Protein backbone atom coordinates (compact mmCIF):
# COMPACT_ATOMS: atom_id res chain seq x y z
CA MET A 1 -28.30 17.60 6.76
CA ALA A 2 -27.06 21.08 7.65
CA TYR A 3 -23.39 21.62 8.36
CA SER A 4 -22.80 23.07 11.81
CA SER A 5 -21.34 26.57 11.94
CA LYS A 6 -19.02 25.39 14.73
CA TYR A 7 -17.47 22.88 12.34
CA TRP A 8 -17.36 25.48 9.57
CA TRP A 9 -15.19 27.74 11.76
CA THR A 10 -13.08 24.76 12.79
CA GLU A 11 -12.63 23.83 9.15
CA LEU A 12 -11.61 27.40 8.30
CA ALA A 13 -9.12 27.49 11.19
CA LEU A 14 -7.71 24.13 10.10
CA PHE A 15 -7.31 25.40 6.53
CA VAL A 16 -5.51 28.58 7.60
CA SER A 17 -3.22 26.90 10.13
CA VAL A 18 -2.26 23.97 7.87
CA SER A 19 -1.69 26.32 4.92
CA ALA A 20 0.54 28.62 6.97
CA ALA A 21 2.48 25.74 8.52
CA SER A 22 3.01 24.07 5.14
CA ALA A 23 4.18 27.27 3.47
CA PHE A 24 6.51 27.99 6.40
CA LEU A 25 7.92 24.46 6.31
CA LEU A 26 8.53 24.61 2.55
CA THR A 27 10.20 28.01 2.88
CA THR A 28 12.40 26.80 5.72
CA LEU A 29 13.42 23.64 3.87
CA TRP A 30 14.25 25.65 0.75
CA ALA A 31 16.28 28.20 2.74
CA GLU A 32 18.21 25.43 4.50
CA SER A 33 18.96 23.71 1.21
CA LEU A 34 20.67 26.84 -0.16
CA ASP A 35 23.53 26.45 2.31
CA GLY A 36 24.48 30.13 2.29
CA ARG A 37 24.02 30.83 -1.42
CA GLU A 38 22.06 33.92 -2.47
CA GLU A 39 19.10 32.98 -4.65
CA THR A 40 15.63 34.40 -5.19
CA VAL A 41 12.41 32.65 -5.99
CA SER A 42 8.76 33.61 -6.23
CA GLY A 43 6.76 33.23 -3.03
CA LEU A 44 4.04 31.51 -5.05
CA LEU A 45 6.21 28.40 -5.13
CA PHE A 46 5.62 28.10 -1.38
CA ILE A 47 2.16 29.61 -0.98
CA ILE A 48 0.33 27.57 -3.63
CA PRO A 49 1.42 24.13 -2.34
CA GLY A 50 0.65 25.34 1.18
CA LEU A 51 -2.88 26.35 0.14
CA ILE A 52 -3.42 23.04 -1.61
CA THR A 53 -2.32 21.17 1.51
CA GLY A 54 -4.66 23.32 3.63
CA LEU A 55 -7.59 22.65 1.30
CA TRP A 56 -6.85 18.94 1.41
CA ALA A 57 -6.81 18.91 5.23
CA ALA A 58 -10.04 20.92 5.47
CA ARG A 59 -11.71 18.63 2.94
CA ARG A 60 -10.69 15.55 4.91
CA PHE A 61 -12.07 17.14 8.10
CA ARG A 62 -15.40 17.91 6.42
CA ARG A 63 -15.72 14.46 4.87
CA HIS A 64 -14.97 12.83 8.22
CA ARG A 65 -17.62 14.94 9.97
CA MET A 66 -20.21 14.40 7.25
CA ALA A 67 -19.59 10.65 7.10
CA SER A 68 -19.85 10.17 10.85
CA GLY A 69 -23.13 12.10 10.95
CA SER A 70 -22.07 14.01 14.07
CA ARG A 71 -23.12 17.61 14.51
């Protein structure tokens, strides 16, 4: 069964939006936890978990669409 290009674009948009939202949330939580202290940290500590969360969400979307058999 072929995967619809409409769902492919939806999956890509879901991946990008969930990744960005997760990275932003992690960054915000970390900044709030500093409570005014000056500290630096690599951005990879926020980007990598955000990308993993985005991949997980896109994978769940694809599995749901493939399991239901809808196009």
